[in-house]
Amino acid sequence: MIPSARLATVPEFPFARWAVHYRAAEDRGLDLIRLDIGSPDLPPPPAVIEAACEAIRSPTEHGYPGYRGLPALRHAICA
């Protein structure tokens, strides 16, 4: 498979570039607070869970979106 020319213009993910620096710092014994990885082993705060439940219960949040899609997304895809 030959990747498209447009795909070649997509920059590398910044955190992938920085990972080598994180590992080097950790190897030197530094205790880093990694703000790039989140905390998938911890549950969301109760307020976040409640806000999600409220949004799910809201009758205005159900249904199909417009058939034309989001204008900003359509413009970005065509750019």
PDB file of N, CA and C in Angstrom:
ATOM      1  N   MET A   1       0.847  -1.175   0.000  1.00  0.00           N
ATOM      2  CA  MET A   1       0.000   0.000   0.000  1.00  0.00           C
ATOM      3  C   MET A   1       0.894   1.241   0.000  1.00  0.00           C
ATOM      4  N   ILE A   2       0.549   2.214  -0.803  1.00  0.00           N
ATOM      5  CA  ILE A   2       1.293   3.465  -0.886  1.00  0.00           C
ATOM      6  C   ILE A   2       0.487   4.536  -0.152  1.00  0.00           C
ATOM      7  N   PRO A   3       1.057   5.135   0.914  1.00  0.00           N
ATOM      8  CA  PRO A   3       0.311   6.179   1.618  1.00  0.00           C
ATOM      9  C   PRO A   3       0.142   7.422   0.752  1.00  0.00           C
ATOM     10  N   SER A   4      -0.927   8.145   1.012  1.00  0.00           N
ATOM     11  CA  SER A   4      -1.197   9.355   0.232  1.00  0.00           C
ATOM     12  C   SER A   4      -0.184  10.447   0.574  1.00  0.00           C
ATOM     13  N   ALA A   5      -0.007  11.375  -0.341  1.00  0.00           N
ATOM     14  CA  ALA A   5       0.902  12.500  -0.112  1.00  0.00           C
ATOM     15  C   ALA A   5       0.399  13.356   1.049  1.00  0.00           C
ATOM     16  N   ARG A   6      -0.907  13.464   1.186  1.00  0.00           N
ATOM     17  CA  ARG A   6      -1.475  14.270   2.270  1.00  0.00           C
ATOM     18  C   ARG A   6      -1.149  13.660   3.633  1.00  0.00           C
ATOM     19  N   LEU A   7      -1.150  12.329   3.691  1.00  0.00           N
ATOM     20  CA  LEU A   7      -0.816  11.655   4.942  1.00  0.00           C
ATOM     21  C   LEU A   7       0.616  11.966   5.359  1.00  0.00           C
ATOM     22  N   ALA A   8       1.491  12.121   4.404  1.00  0.00           N
ATOM     23  CA  ALA A   8       2.891  12.422   4.712  1.00  0.00           C
ATOM     24  C   ALA A   8       3.050  13.798   5.359  1.00  0.00           C
ATOM     25  N   THR A   9       2.050  14.662   5.231  1.00  0.00           N
ATOM     26  CA  THR A   9       2.141  16.001   5.818  1.00  0.00           C
ATOM     27  C   THR A   9       1.636  16.048   7.258  1.00  0.00           C
ATOM     28  N   VAL A  10       1.062  14.949   7.737  1.00  0.00           N
ATOM     29  CA  VAL A  10       0.566  14.911   9.111  1.00  0.00           C
ATOM     30  C   VAL A  10       1.772  14.838  10.049  1.00  0.00           C
ATOM     31  N   PRO A  11       1.886  15.786  10.982  1.00  0.00           N
ATOM     32  CA  PRO A  11       3.056  15.783  11.862  1.00  0.00           C
ATOM     33  C   PRO A  11       3.016  14.627  12.856  1.00  0.00           C
ATOM     34  N   GLU A  12       4.183  14.279  13.342  1.00  0.00           N
ATOM     35  CA  GLU A  12       4.294  13.236  14.354  1.00  0.00           C
ATOM     36  C   GLU A  12       3.589  13.706  15.628  1.00  0.00           C
ATOM     37  N   PHE A  13       3.002  12.766  16.345  1.00  0.00           N
ATOM     38  CA  PHE A  13       2.320  13.074  17.597  1.00  0.00           C
ATOM     39  C   PHE A  13       3.343  13.617  18.590  1.00  0.00           C
ATOM     40  N   PRO A  14       3.129  14.814  19.150  1.00  0.00           N
ATOM     41  CA  PRO A  14       4.152  15.426  20.017  1.00  0.00           C
ATOM     42  C   PRO A  14       4.576  14.545  21.181  1.00  0.00           C
ATOM     43  N   PHE A  15       3.629  13.862  21.806  1.00  0.00           N
ATOM     44  CA  PHE A  15       3.993  13.056  22.967  1.00  0.00           C
ATOM     45  C   PHE A  15       4.872  11.876  22.578  1.00  0.00           C
ATOM     46  N   ALA A  16       4.758  11.401  21.356  1.00  0.00           N
ATOM     47  CA  ALA A  16       5.648  10.332  20.892  1.00  0.00           C
ATOM     48  C   ALA A  16       7.074  10.856  20.800  1.00  0.00           C
ATOM     49  N   ARG A  17       7.243  12.092  20.340  1.00  0.00           N
ATOM     50  CA  ARG A  17       8.584  12.693  20.268  1.00  0.00           C
ATOM     51  C   ARG A  17       9.158  12.914  21.660  1.00  0.00           C
ATOM     52  N   TRP A  18       8.307  13.318  22.586  1.00  0.00           N
ATOM     53  CA  TRP A  18       8.780  13.650  23.927  1.00  0.00           C
ATOM     54  C   TRP A  18       9.039  12.418  24.779  1.00  0.00           C
ATOM     55  N   ALA A  19       8.509  11.272  24.381  1.00  0.00           N
ATOM     56  CA  ALA A  19       8.637  10.060  25.192  1.00  0.00           C
ATOM     57  C   ALA A  19      10.093   9.730  25.487  1.00  0.00           C
ATOM     58  N   VAL A  20      10.971   9.938  24.530  1.00  0.00           N
ATOM     59  CA  VAL A  20      12.389   9.644  24.757  1.00  0.00           C
ATOM     60  C   VAL A  20      12.933  10.513  25.889  1.00  0.00           C
ATOM     61  N   HIS A  21      12.482  11.748  25.987  1.00  0.00           N
ATOM     62  CA  HIS A  21      12.926  12.641  27.062  1.00  0.00           C
ATOM     63  C   HIS A  21      12.348  12.208  28.410  1.00  0.00           C
ATOM     64  N   TYR A  22      11.089  11.768  28.414  1.00  0.00           N
ATOM     65  CA  TYR A  22      10.483  11.282  29.655  1.00  0.00           C
ATOM     66  C   TYR A  22      11.268  10.089  30.183  1.00  0.00           C
ATOM     67  N   ARG A  23      11.552   9.126  29.275  1.00  0.00           N
ATOM     68  CA  ARG A  23      12.273   7.922  29.699  1.00  0.00           C
ATOM     69  C   ARG A  23      13.660   8.274  30.231  1.00  0.00           C
ATOM     70  N   ALA A  24      14.344   9.189  29.576  1.00  0.00           N
ATOM     71  CA  ALA A  24      15.683   9.588  30.022  1.00  0.00           C
ATOM     72  C   ALA A  24      15.616  10.224  31.410  1.00  0.00           C
ATOM     73  N   ALA A  25      14.618  11.056  31.640  1.00  0.00           N
ATOM     74  CA  ALA A  25      14.474  11.693  32.951  1.00  0.00           C
ATOM     75  C   ALA A  25      14.154  10.656  34.022  1.00  0.00           C
ATOM     76  N   GLU A  26      13.278   9.722  33.706  1.00  0.00           N
ATOM     77  CA  GLU A  26      12.941   8.668  34.663  1.00  0.00           C
ATOM     78  C   GLU A  26      14.145   7.777  34.929  1.00  0.00           C
ATOM     79  N   ASP A  27      14.946   7.510  33.909  1.00  0.00           N
ATOM     80  CA  ASP A  27      16.161   6.708  34.088  1.00  0.00           C
ATOM     81  C   ASP A  27      17.151   7.407  35.015  1.00  0.00           C
ATOM     82  N   ARG A  28      17.115   8.732  35.052  1.00  0.00           N
ATOM     83  CA  ARG A  28      17.994   9.495  35.949  1.00  0.00           C
ATOM     84  C   ARG A  28      17.412   9.583  37.356  1.00  0.00           C
ATOM     85  N   GLY A  29      16.248   8.965  37.567  1.00  0.00           N
ATOM     86  CA  GLY A  29      15.649   8.936  38.890  1.00  0.00           C
ATOM     87  C   GLY A  29      14.671  10.054  39.181  1.00  0.00           C
ATOM     88  N   LEU A  30      14.355  10.859  38.179  1.00  0.00           N
ATOM     89  CA  LEU A  30      13.389  11.933  38.397  1.00  0.00           C
ATOM     90  C   LEU A  30      11.980  11.356  38.487  1.00  0.00           C
ATOM     91  N   ASP A  31      11.201  11.880  39.411  1.00  0.00           N
ATOM     92  CA  ASP A  31       9.809  11.458  39.578  1.00  0.00           C
ATOM     93  C   ASP A  31       8.933  12.441  38.809  1.00  0.00           C
ATOM     94  N   LEU A  32       8.456  12.034  37.653  1.00  0.00           N
ATOM     95  CA  LEU A  32       7.697  12.921  36.776  1.00  0.00           C
ATOM     96  C   LEU A  32       6.201  12.825  37.045  1.00  0.00           C
ATOM     97  N   ILE A  33       5.527  13.926  36.880  1.00  0.00           N
ATOM     98  CA  ILE A  33       4.067  13.938  36.859  1.00  0.00           C
ATOM     99  C   ILE A  33       3.683  14.028  35.391  1.00  0.00           C
ATOM    100  N   ARG A  34       3.224  12.912  34.840  1.00  0.00           N
ATOM    101  CA  ARG A  34       2.926  12.832  33.410  1.00  0.00           C
ATOM    102  C   ARG A  34       1.516  13.345  33.150  1.00  0.00           C
ATOM    103  N   LEU A  35       1.420  14.520  32.568  1.00  0.00           N
ATOM    104  CA  LEU A  35       0.121  15.104  32.254  1.00  0.00           C
ATOM    105  C   LEU A  35      -0.379  14.689  30.879  1.00  0.00           C
ATOM    106  N   ASP A  36       0.402  13.880  30.170  1.00  0.00           N
ATOM    107  CA  ASP A  36       0.031  13.498  28.812  1.00  0.00           C
ATOM    108  C   ASP A  36      -0.704  12.178  28.739  1.00  0.00           C
ATOM    109  N   ILE A  37      -0.694  11.379  29.799  1.00  0.00           N
ATOM    110  CA  ILE A  37      -1.235  10.033  29.677  1.00  0.00           C
ATOM    111  C   ILE A  37      -2.562   9.829  30.388  1.00  0.00           C
ATOM    112  N   GLY A  38      -2.996  10.788  31.179  1.00  0.00           N
ATOM    113  CA  GLY A  38      -4.242  10.609  31.905  1.00  0.00           C
ATOM    114  C   GLY A  38      -4.076   9.577  33.007  1.00  0.00           C
ATOM    115  N   SER A  39      -5.172   9.054  33.495  1.00  0.00           N
ATOM    116  CA  SER A  39      -5.125   8.048  34.558  1.00  0.00           C
ATOM    117  C   SER A  39      -6.195   6.996  34.296  1.00  0.00           C
ATOM    118  N   PRO A  40      -5.961   6.111  33.326  1.00  0.00           N
ATOM    119  CA  PRO A  40      -6.981   5.126  32.978  1.00  0.00           C
ATOM    120  C   PRO A  40      -7.269   4.122  34.088  1.00  0.00           C
ATOM    121  N   ASP A  41      -6.402   4.061  35.097  1.00  0.00           N
ATOM    122  CA  ASP A  41      -6.627   3.125  36.194  1.00  0.00           C
ATOM    123  C   ASP A  41      -7.507   3.715  37.300  1.00  0.00           C
ATOM    124  N   LEU A  42      -7.869   4.983  37.173  1.00  0.00           N
ATOM    125  CA  LEU A  42      -8.711   5.634  38.175  1.00  0.00           C
ATOM    126  C   LEU A  42     -10.075   5.969  37.580  1.00  0.00           C
ATOM    127  N   PRO A  43     -11.138   5.866  38.395  1.00  0.00           N
ATOM    128  CA  PRO A  43     -12.463   6.223  37.874  1.00  0.00           C
ATOM    129  C   PRO A  43     -12.583   7.739  37.721  1.00  0.00           C
ATOM    130  N   PRO A  44     -13.516   8.186  36.892  1.00  0.00           N
ATOM    131  CA  PRO A  44     -13.742   9.631  36.773  1.00  0.00           C
ATOM    132  C   PRO A  44     -14.284  10.183  38.096  1.00  0.00           C
ATOM    133  N   PRO A  45     -14.096  11.459  38.345  1.00  0.00           N
ATOM    134  CA  PRO A  45     -14.672  12.065  39.553  1.00  0.00           C
ATOM    135  C   PRO A  45     -16.199  11.928  39.539  1.00  0.00           C
ATOM    136  N   PRO A  46     -16.812  11.813  40.715  1.00  0.00           N
ATOM    137  CA  PRO A  46     -18.275  11.675  40.783  1.00  0.00           C
ATOM    138  C   PRO A  46     -19.024  12.782  40.035  1.00  0.00           C
ATOM    139  N   ALA A  47     -18.523  14.004  40.060  1.00  0.00           N
ATOM    140  CA  ALA A  47     -19.207  15.101  39.360  1.00  0.00           C
ATOM    141  C   ALA A  47     -19.222  14.868  37.852  1.00  0.00           C
ATOM    142  N   VAL A  48     -18.179  14.276  37.318  1.00  0.00           N
ATOM    143  CA  VAL A  48     -18.125  13.986  35.880  1.00  0.00           C
ATOM    144  C   VAL A  48     -19.133  12.893  35.535  1.00  0.00           C
ATOM    145  N   ILE A  49     -19.206  11.875  36.368  1.00  0.00           N
ATOM    146  CA  ILE A  49     -20.163  10.786  36.140  1.00  0.00           C
ATOM    147  C   ILE A  49     -21.588  11.328  36.184  1.00  0.00           C
ATOM    148  N   GLU A  50     -21.876  12.175  37.170  1.00  0.00           N
ATOM    149  CA  GLU A  50     -23.223  12.739  37.287  1.00  0.00           C
ATOM    150  C   GLU A  50     -23.562  13.628  36.094  1.00  0.00           C
ATOM    151  N   ALA A  51     -22.612  14.434  35.634  1.00  0.00           N
ATOM    152  CA  ALA A  51     -22.854  15.295  34.470  1.00  0.00           C
ATOM    153  C   ALA A  51     -23.130  14.454  33.230  1.00  0.00           C
ATOM    154  N   ALA A  52     -22.404  13.352  33.077  1.00  0.00           N
ATOM    155  CA  ALA A  52     -22.643  12.464  31.932  1.00  0.00           C
ATOM    156  C   ALA A  52     -24.035  11.843  32.021  1.00  0.00           C
ATOM    157  N   CYS A  53     -24.421  11.416  33.217  1.00  0.00           N
ATOM    158  CA  CYS A  53     -25.755  10.832  33.398  1.00  0.00           C
ATOM    159  C   CYS A  53     -26.853  11.850  33.097  1.00  0.00           C
ATOM    160  N   GLU A  54     -26.663  13.084  33.544  1.00  0.00           N
ATOM    161  CA  GLU A  54     -27.655  14.130  33.260  1.00  0.00           C
ATOM    162  C   GLU A  54     -27.781  14.368  31.761  1.00  0.00           C
ATOM    163  N   ALA A  55     -26.675  14.392  31.068  1.00  0.00           N
ATOM    164  CA  ALA A  55     -26.712  14.605  29.617  1.00  0.00           C
ATOM    165  C   ALA A  55     -27.419  13.450  28.924  1.00  0.00           C
ATOM    166  N   ILE A  56     -27.180  12.242  29.392  1.00  0.00           N
ATOM    167  CA  ILE A  56     -27.821  11.066  28.789  1.00  0.00           C
ATOM    168  C   ILE A  56     -29.326  11.095  29.030  1.00  0.00           C
ATOM    169  N   ARG A  57     -29.736  11.556  30.202  1.00  0.00           N
ATOM    170  CA  ARG A  57     -31.169  11.610  30.529  1.00  0.00           C
ATOM    171  C   ARG A  57     -31.905  12.736  29.798  1.00  0.00           C
ATOM    172  N   SER A  58     -31.192  13.714  29.306  1.00  0.00           N
ATOM    173  CA  SER A  58     -31.813  14.877  28.680  1.00  0.00           C
ATOM    174  C   SER A  58     -32.475  14.502  27.356  1.00  0.00           C
ATOM    175  N   PRO A  59     -33.767  14.801  27.200  1.00  0.00           N
ATOM    176  CA  PRO A  59     -34.446  14.452  25.949  1.00  0.00           C
ATOM    177  C   PRO A  59     -33.913  15.231  24.744  1.00  0.00           C
ATOM    178  N   THR A  60     -33.253  16.354  24.978  1.00  0.00           N
ATOM    179  CA  THR A  60     -32.721  17.118  23.842  1.00  0.00           C
ATOM    180  C   THR A  60     -31.426  16.530  23.295  1.00  0.00           C
ATOM    181  N   GLU A  61     -30.870  15.549  23.984  1.00  0.00           N
ATOM    182  CA  GLU A  61     -29.599  14.957  23.547  1.00  0.00           C
ATOM    183  C   GLU A  61     -29.788  13.661  22.768  1.00  0.00           C
ATOM    184  N   HIS A  62     -31.025  13.319  22.463  1.00  0.00           N
ATOM    185  CA  HIS A  62     -31.307  12.088  21.722  1.00  0.00           C
ATOM    186  C   HIS A  62     -31.747  12.433  20.307  1.00  0.00           C
ATOM    187  N   GLY A  63     -31.593  11.502  19.425  1.00  0.00           N
ATOM    188  CA  GLY A  63     -32.038  11.706  18.054  1.00  0.00           C
ATOM    189  C   GLY A  63     -30.873  11.739  17.085  1.00  0.00           C
ATOM    190  N   TYR A  64     -31.205  11.848  15.846  1.00  0.00           N
ATOM    191  CA  TYR A  64     -30.193  11.881  14.798  1.00  0.00           C
ATOM    192  C   TYR A  64     -29.727  13.313  14.550  1.00  0.00           C
ATOM    193  N   PRO A  65     -28.471  13.469  14.204  1.00  0.00           N
ATOM    194  CA  PRO A  65     -28.007  14.812  13.842  1.00  0.00           C
ATOM    195  C   PRO A  65     -28.524  15.183  12.460  1.00  0.00           C
ATOM    196  N   GLY A  66     -28.318  16.423  12.086  1.00  0.00           N
ATOM    197  CA  GLY A  66     -28.691  16.846  10.740  1.00  0.00           C
ATOM    198  C   GLY A  66     -27.978  15.992   9.694  1.00  0.00           C
ATOM    199  N   TYR A  67     -28.620  15.727   8.590  1.00  0.00           N
ATOM    200  CA  TYR A  67     -28.047  14.820   7.589  1.00  0.00           C
ATOM    201  C   TYR A  67     -26.863  15.419   6.857  1.00  0.00           C
ATOM    202  N   ARG A  68     -26.683  16.725   6.927  1.00  0.00           N
ATOM    203  CA  ARG A  68     -25.549  17.356   6.239  1.00  0.00           C
ATOM    204  C   ARG A  68     -24.287  17.358   7.082  1.00  0.00           C
ATOM    205  N   GLY A  69     -24.395  17.026   8.352  1.00  0.00           N
ATOM    206  CA  GLY A  69     -23.218  17.012   9.213  1.00  0.00           C
ATOM    207  C   GLY A  69     -22.866  18.389   9.738  1.00  0.00           C
ATOM    208  N   LEU A  70     -21.776  18.450  10.453  1.00  0.00           N
ATOM    209  CA  LEU A  70     -21.324  19.713  11.033  1.00  0.00           C
ATOM    210  C   LEU A  70     -20.587  20.530   9.983  1.00  0.00           C
ATOM    211  N   PRO A  71     -20.968  21.785   9.784  1.00  0.00           N
ATOM    212  CA  PRO A  71     -20.294  22.603   8.769  1.00  0.00           C
ATOM    213  C   PRO A  71     -18.779  22.685   8.979  1.00  0.00           C
ATOM    214  N   ALA A  72     -18.340  22.867  10.223  1.00  0.00           N
ATOM    215  CA  ALA A  72     -16.894  22.982  10.479  1.00  0.00           C
ATOM    216  C   ALA A  72     -16.171  21.701  10.081  1.00  0.00           C
ATOM    217  N   LEU A  73     -16.772  20.558  10.359  1.00  0.00           N
ATOM    218  CA  LEU A  73     -16.147  19.286   9.989  1.00  0.00           C
ATOM    219  C   LEU A  73     -16.116  19.122   8.475  1.00  0.00           C
ATOM    220  N   ARG A  74     -17.195  19.484   7.808  1.00  0.00           N
ATOM    221  CA  ARG A  74     -17.218  19.368   6.346  1.00  0.00           C
ATOM    222  C   ARG A  74     -16.144  20.245   5.715  1.00  0.00           C
ATOM    223  N   HIS A  75     -15.996  21.460   6.221  1.00  0.00           N
ATOM    224  CA  HIS A  75     -14.963  22.362   5.687  1.00  0.00           C
ATOM    225  C   HIS A  75     -13.565  21.809   5.949  1.00  0.00           C
ATOM    226  N   ALA A  76     -13.356  21.247   7.141  1.00  0.00           N
ATOM    227  CA  ALA A  76     -12.037  20.699   7.470  1.00  0.00           C
ATOM    228  C   ALA A  76     -11.700  19.514   6.577  1.00  0.00           C
ATOM    229  N   ILE A  77     -12.678  18.674   6.290  1.00  0.00           N
ATOM    230  CA  ILE A  77     -12.438  17.512   5.426  1.00  0.00           C
ATOM    231  C   ILE A  77     -12.102  17.959   4.014  1.00  0.00           C
ATOM    232  N   CYS A  78     -12.756  19.014   3.555  1.00  0.00           N
ATOM    233  CA  CYS A  78     -12.531  19.488   2.184  1.00  0.00           C
ATOM    234  C   CYS A  78     -11.260  20.319   2.037  1.00  0.00           C
ATOM    235  N   ALA A  79     -10.707  20.764   3.143  1.00  0.00           N
ATOM    236  CA  ALA A  79      -9.514  21.639   3.085  1.00  0.00           C
ATOM    237  C   ALA A  79      -8.288  20.890   2.577  1.00  0.00           C
TER     238      ALA A  79
END
